[in-house]
Amino acid sequence: MSETQHYQIGNFSFQNGTTLPTVSLAYQDINPSAEKTALVVTCFRGRLPNTCTFASGALKSYRVIVVALFGNGESSSPSTTPGFPSTVDYPDCVRAQHQLLLDGLKISTLDVVVGFSMGGQATYHWTMMYPEMVKNAIIICSSARTSGHNRQFLEGPKAALENATDYVPVALRTSATPACVRGIRAFGKAYSAWLTSADWFDQQLYTSLGFNSQSAWDETTTGANYNGWDADDLLAMLGMWQRGDITALGKEPNLEASLVRINIPVLLMPCQSDQYFRWEASEKESKMILNATFKPIPSVWGHIGGAGACKEDTQWMDNEISQFLSR
């Protein structure tokens, strides 16, 4: 496993007007001697060690830079950075990543940018903000603009956390403030059924993950899987996700006009059973992008089908990525 490194950026200004004397970007540099370079961006609640990078498959001949989004607890986040802004957005993350690559790692060309979920929305922003630097984009279970349905789904776990009796905003905490256990557990409960699909539950596919019952799966998924996560980090990332919209960059007035500006090859891989980044939205986006390949993942694993949760789905994606990059 590649070592996690941190790149410091001085006097960084966020989109909301906040300027911090220093921000930190966490990243991993896999296979650094390779000639071609891939950038992989983490997802919501994604950490560097558990990010699906395709570095041992389709990207094995690439130098793979895996970078953590702001707010994930590895890069600068509310829980780690005093004065962290009240809102953080994809352009903030992408500008910082650009500085890491160009100034820190002396990388001026990306052969491919890959992102799942929030990482996919960051990838869309890369294609719009630095089009001269990106040769290909691979966007998995994501969208160029967060839909109204997607935004509303997120209001459920958000409310469960913010209304918990043990939730205290990071700015109001003291050394005596207890951990937000109930709130984060409530967040996980409200989120959990959206991760996969109804068919996944009907087929009891949690057994393929080693659980002998749905309640055992629930105990880990809504409990232990949130260990190490801070409440305000979750909320910062959730807000960025809800506001995700490439038209907000102001380059074009609407989604179609924005997407038609993308002139590089783009592989869109939604999951057919994803409940919130729906494949129909990706199909519409593919028709607005001049050089798009649309390949929906044939799976009942829902959103996490694109995250590497199912071995067969991951192999399917790996094959599609290999074909896309070798054309």
Foldseek 3Di string as FASTA:
>chain_A
DFDKDKDKDAQAAAPVGDTDRIWIKIKGWPPVVADAAEEEEAAQLGDDVQFDFCCVFLVVRHTYIYIYFELNLRTPHQVPDPPPDPAHALVSRLVVVVCCVCVVVVQQAHAEYEYAAVSLCSQLLCCQVPVVRYFEYEYELYAQAFDPVLLVLLVQLLCLQVPDPLDDRSVPDDPPRDASQRSQLSSQVSCPDQQFAPVCVVVVVVVVVVDPDPVSVSCCRSHVSCPPHHPRSSVNSSNNSNGRHSVVVVPDPDLLVSQCPRDHEYEYEYECGRPGSHLVNVVVSQVSHPHYDYHYQDDRGHSCLRRCPDVVSSVVVSVVSNVSSVD
